[in-house]
Amino acid sequence: MVITAGSAEWLAGFTRGLVERRLAACGQITAEVRSIYRWQGAVQDEAEARVALHTRVSLVDRIVAAAAAEHPYQVPCVLALPVTGGNPDYLRWVLEQTSVTG
């Protein structure tokens, strides 16, 4: 999953909370990306932070809900991207770390 925010510190705290709740195994934060987008009729050009979250598909809806409740943006960027392969040991670790109930 990919989530962006205006503050790398806010994003780090949000990511830590997801990892603590076992909704994500890992989050790799890029402190500054440049986002160019149209918002409310004007083209914006802003510095943002971006996190790549490593999780399982069954937890996507819970992460989207957490972002909707906690994110400072009115419409946060939260995208789920498919994993089509990778190191089997790492993929197994992601599943172990995101083993949640309820």
Protein backbone atom coordinates (compact mmCIF):
# COMPACT_ATOMS: atom_id res chain seq x y z
CA MET A 1 0.00 0.00 0.00
CA VAL A 2 1.02 3.60 -0.56
CA ILE A 3 -0.03 6.52 1.62
CA THR A 4 1.12 10.13 1.34
CA ALA A 5 0.97 12.97 3.87
CA GLY A 6 2.26 16.50 4.26
CA SER A 7 4.46 15.58 7.23
CA ALA A 8 6.99 12.75 7.43
CA GLU A 9 6.71 12.86 11.23
CA TRP A 10 2.94 12.44 11.16
CA LEU A 11 3.31 9.61 8.66
CA ALA A 12 5.93 7.90 10.85
CA GLY A 13 3.60 8.02 13.85
CA PHE A 14 0.68 6.72 11.80
CA THR A 15 2.85 3.92 10.39
CA ARG A 16 4.14 2.99 13.85
CA GLY A 17 0.54 2.67 15.04
CA LEU A 18 -0.30 0.36 12.13
CA VAL A 19 2.72 -1.84 12.88
CA GLU A 20 1.90 -1.90 16.60
CA ARG A 21 -1.68 -3.02 15.78
CA ARG A 22 -0.24 -5.63 13.37
CA LEU A 23 -2.08 -4.05 10.42
CA ALA A 24 1.25 -3.66 8.62
CA ALA A 25 4.48 -5.61 8.92
CA CYS A 26 6.65 -2.73 7.77
CA GLY A 27 6.45 0.80 6.46
CA GLN A 28 9.25 2.36 4.44
CA ILE A 29 9.00 6.14 4.49
CA THR A 30 10.43 8.44 1.87
CA ALA A 31 10.72 11.78 3.65
CA GLU A 32 10.14 13.93 0.59
CA VAL A 33 8.40 13.32 -2.69
CA ARG A 34 7.05 15.99 -4.97
CA SER A 35 3.33 15.72 -5.66
CA ILE A 36 1.70 17.59 -8.53
CA TYR A 37 -2.07 17.33 -8.62
CA ARG A 38 -5.28 19.25 -9.21
CA TRP A 39 -7.21 20.20 -6.06
CA GLN A 40 -10.25 22.47 -5.90
CA GLY A 41 -9.69 23.72 -9.46
CA ALA A 42 -6.01 24.62 -9.15
CA VAL A 43 -2.84 22.70 -9.90
CA GLN A 44 -0.83 22.13 -6.72
CA ASP A 45 2.91 21.40 -6.49
CA GLU A 46 3.77 20.27 -2.97
CA ALA A 47 6.38 18.38 -0.99
CA GLU A 48 4.92 15.34 0.75
CA ALA A 49 6.13 12.20 2.50
CA ARG A 50 5.25 8.73 1.23
CA VAL A 51 5.10 5.36 2.93
CA ALA A 52 5.13 1.95 1.30
CA LEU A 53 3.28 -0.37 3.68
CA HIS A 54 3.82 -4.12 3.57
CA THR A 55 0.62 -5.86 4.60
CA ARG A 56 -1.92 -8.43 3.50
CA VAL A 57 -4.93 -7.81 1.28
CA SER A 58 -7.38 -8.76 4.05
CA LEU A 59 -6.18 -5.74 6.09
CA VAL A 60 -6.52 -3.11 3.36
CA ASP A 61 -10.00 -2.00 4.41
CA ARG A 62 -8.88 -1.57 8.02
CA ILE A 63 -5.91 0.57 6.95
CA VAL A 64 -8.14 2.67 4.66
CA ALA A 65 -10.53 3.20 7.60
CA ALA A 66 -7.65 4.17 9.91
CA ALA A 67 -6.39 6.69 7.37
CA ALA A 68 -9.90 8.12 6.91
CA ALA A 69 -10.23 8.58 10.67
CA GLU A 70 -6.72 9.83 11.49
CA HIS A 71 -5.24 11.49 8.39
CA PRO A 72 -5.11 15.30 8.36
CA TYR A 73 -6.07 15.48 4.65
CA GLN A 74 -9.69 15.75 3.59
CA VAL A 75 -9.04 13.17 0.84
CA PRO A 76 -5.85 11.24 1.66
CA CYS A 77 -3.99 9.24 -0.98
CA VAL A 78 -4.32 5.61 0.09
CA LEU A 79 -3.66 3.04 -2.64
CA ALA A 80 -3.46 -0.73 -2.46
CA LEU A 81 -1.16 -2.23 -5.07
CA PRO A 82 -0.87 -5.94 -5.84
CA VAL A 83 2.20 -7.94 -4.97
CA THR A 84 2.87 -10.35 -7.80
CA GLY A 85 5.94 -12.03 -6.36
CA GLY A 86 8.97 -11.64 -4.14
CA ASN A 87 11.25 -13.37 -1.69
CA PRO A 88 9.12 -16.20 -0.25
CA ASP A 89 10.79 -15.86 3.15
CA TYR A 90 10.01 -12.13 3.27
CA LEU A 91 6.41 -12.66 2.13
CA ARG A 92 5.98 -15.29 4.85
CA TRP A 93 7.40 -12.82 7.41
CA VAL A 94 4.87 -10.18 6.30
CA LEU A 95 2.05 -12.68 6.85
CA GLU A 96 3.43 -13.65 10.28
CA GLN A 97 3.74 -10.01 11.37
CA THR A 98 0.22 -9.14 10.26
CA SER A 99 -1.43 -12.08 11.96
CA VAL A 100 -4.39 -10.36 13.61
CA THR A 101 -7.78 -11.46 14.84
CA GLY A 102 -11.03 -9.57 14.94
